[in-house]
C-alpha atoms as a PDB file:
ATOM      1  CA  MET A   1      70.806  71.550-102.996  1.00  0.00           C
ATOM      2  CA  SER A   2      67.452  69.961-103.058  1.00  0.00           C
ATOM      3  CA  VAL A   3      65.716  67.878-105.563  1.00  0.00           C
ATOM      4  CA  LYS A   4      63.464  71.119-106.482  1.00  0.00           C
ATOM      5  CA  ASP A   5      66.566  73.579-106.738  1.00  0.00           C
ATOM      6  CA  ARG A   6      68.448  70.996-108.770  1.00  0.00           C
ATOM      7  CA  VAL A   7      65.313  70.464-111.393  1.00  0.00           C
ATOM      8  CA  ILE A   8      64.726  74.276-111.409  1.00  0.00           C
ATOM      9  CA  ALA A   9      68.332  74.845-112.145  1.00  0.00           C
ATOM     10  CA  ILE A  10      68.309  72.387-115.060  1.00  0.00           C
ATOM     11  CA  ILE A  11      65.399  73.696-116.518  1.00  0.00           C
ATOM     12  CA  ALA A  12      66.519  77.420-116.285  1.00  0.00           C
ATOM     13  CA  GLU A  13      69.701  76.228-118.172  1.00  0.00           C
ATOM     14  CA  GLN A  14      67.658  74.513-120.908  1.00  0.00           C
ATOM     15  CA  ALA A  15      65.311  77.678-121.054  1.00  0.00           C
ATOM     16  CA  VAL A  16      68.438  80.201-121.053  1.00  0.00           C
ATOM     17  CA  LEU A  17      66.616  81.775-117.896  1.00  0.00           C
ATOM     18  CA  ASP A  18      67.405  82.875-114.420  1.00  0.00           C
ATOM     19  CA  VAL A  19      66.289  80.545-111.882  1.00  0.00           C
ATOM     20  CA  ALA A  20      64.358  83.445-110.588  1.00  0.00           C
ATOM     21  CA  ASP A  21      62.266  83.020-113.677  1.00  0.00           C
ATOM     22  CA  VAL A  22      61.275  79.553-113.213  1.00  0.00           C
ATOM     23  CA  THR A  23      58.234  78.755-111.228  1.00  0.00           C
ATOM     24  CA  MET A  24      56.608  75.763-109.725  1.00  0.00           C
ATOM     25  CA  ASP A  25      53.624  76.927-111.937  1.00  0.00           C
ATOM     26  CA  SER A  26      55.738  77.479-114.989  1.00  0.00           C
ATOM     27  CA  THR A  27      55.172  75.090-117.892  1.00  0.00           C
ATOM     28  CA  LEU A  28      57.897  74.103-120.003  1.00  0.00           C
ATOM     29  CA  GLU A  29      56.105  75.721-123.257  1.00  0.00           C
ATOM     30  CA  SER A  30      55.887  79.154-121.005  1.00  0.00           C
ATOM     31  CA  LEU A  31      59.495  78.727-120.728  1.00  0.00           C
ATOM     32  CA  GLY A  32      60.300  78.477-124.284  1.00  0.00           C
ATOM     33  CA  ILE A  33      61.304  75.007-123.967  1.00  0.00           C
ATOM     34  CA  ASP A  34      60.984  73.159-127.252  1.00  0.00           C
ATOM     35  CA  SER A  35      60.806  69.226-127.742  1.00  0.00           C
ATOM     36  CA  LEU A  36      64.635  69.312-128.012  1.00  0.00           C
ATOM     37  CA  GLY A  37      64.906  71.057-124.794  1.00  0.00           C
ATOM     38  CA  LEU A  38      62.766  68.997-123.164  1.00  0.00           C
ATOM     39  CA  VAL A  39      64.671  65.890-124.271  1.00  0.00           C
ATOM     40  CA  GLU A  40      67.831  67.576-123.198  1.00  0.00           C
ATOM     41  CA  SER A  41      66.384  68.486-119.865  1.00  0.00           C
ATOM     42  CA  ILE A  42      65.491  64.951-119.269  1.00  0.00           C
ATOM     43  CA  PHE A  43      68.898  63.754-120.116  1.00  0.00           C
ATOM     44  CA  ALA A  44      70.408  66.372-117.639  1.00  0.00           C
ATOM     45  CA  ILE A  45      67.964  65.261-114.974  1.00  0.00           C
ATOM     46  CA  GLU A  46      68.960  61.751-115.384  1.00  0.00           C
ATOM     47  CA  GLU A  47      72.659  62.253-115.239  1.00  0.00           C
ATOM     48  CA  ALA A  48      72.190  65.002-112.162  1.00  0.00           C
ATOM     49  CA  PHE A  49      69.972  62.468-110.048  1.00  0.00           C
ATOM     50  CA  ASP A  50      71.584  59.182-111.364  1.00  0.00           C
ATOM     51  CA  VAL A  51      67.765  58.037-112.151  1.00  0.00           C
ATOM     52  CA  SER A  52      66.209  56.546-114.981  1.00  0.00           C
ATOM     53  CA  VAL A  53      63.118  58.992-116.283  1.00  0.00           C
ATOM     54  CA  PRO A  54      60.421  56.666-117.657  1.00  0.00           C
ATOM     55  CA  PHE A  55      59.972  59.251-120.677  1.00  0.00           C
ATOM     56  CA  ASN A  56      58.704  58.389-123.824  1.00  0.00           C
ATOM     57  CA  ALA A  57      59.803  61.446-126.195  1.00  0.00           C
ATOM     58  CA  ASN A  58      58.022  60.122-129.183  1.00  0.00           C
ATOM     59  CA  ASP A  59      54.675  60.606-127.210  1.00  0.00           C
ATOM     60  CA  PRO A  60      54.924  62.346-123.904  1.00  0.00           C
ATOM     61  CA  SER A  61      51.329  61.661-123.391  1.00  0.00           C
ATOM     62  CA  GLN A  62      51.828  57.847-123.084  1.00  0.00           C
ATOM     63  CA  SER A  63      54.943  58.574-120.233  1.00  0.00           C
ATOM     64  CA  ASP A  64      54.540  57.991-116.550  1.00  0.00           C
ATOM     65  CA  PHE A  65      56.483  61.355-116.333  1.00  0.00           C
ATOM     66  CA  ASP A  66      54.323  64.182-115.880  1.00  0.00           C
ATOM     67  CA  ILE A  67      55.825  67.254-117.873  1.00  0.00           C
ATOM     68  CA  SER A  68      52.822  69.457-117.278  1.00  0.00           C
ATOM     69  CA  SER A  69      54.200  71.920-114.953  1.00  0.00           C
ATOM     70  CA  VAL A  70      57.644  72.611-113.124  1.00  0.00           C
ATOM     71  CA  ALA A  71      55.998  71.400-110.036  1.00  0.00           C
ATOM     72  CA  SER A  72      54.879  67.936-111.696  1.00  0.00           C
ATOM     73  CA  ILE A  73      58.682  67.555-112.836  1.00  0.00           C
ATOM     74  CA  VAL A  74      59.977  68.525-109.507  1.00  0.00           C
ATOM     75  CA  ALA A  75      57.377  65.660-107.825  1.00  0.00           C
ATOM     76  CA  ALA A  76      58.129  62.994-110.523  1.00  0.00           C
ATOM     77  CA  VAL A  77      61.994  63.667-109.885  1.00  0.00           C
ATOM     78  CA  GLU A  78      61.522  63.384-106.136  1.00  0.00           C
ATOM     79  CA  LYS A  79      59.484  59.981-106.433  1.00  0.00           C
ATOM     80  CA  LEU A  80      62.300  58.717-108.571  1.00  0.00           C
ATOM     81  CA  VAL A  81      64.960  59.378-106.176  1.00  0.00           C
ATOM     82  CA  ALA A  82      62.861  58.366-103.305  1.00  0.00           C
ATOM     83  CA  ASP A  83      62.485  54.986-105.113  1.00  0.00           C
ATOM     84  CA  GLN A  84      65.939  54.537-106.092  1.00  0.00           C
ATOM     85  CA  HIS A  85      67.142  55.001-102.396  1.00  0.00           C
ATOM     86  CA  ALA A  86      64.120  52.461-100.988  1.00  0.00           C
END
């Protein structure tokens, strides 16, 4: 399973949606994921990929981890995974 597919599956699970309902253009807000769901998604991503996400839950705008859309989350996770294996 690709990074993209795994991230989408994690986000879909948090949003209690079908994977087909989560597009790369979706925002977490549009999927109904609140701040707690976001934190749970981050934990699930860290566990699934064995990475440490540089995410500041208290101030997401100050984070290096872009959560503006599903595509940006996938890109950020792909970079973390690539950096880990570099």
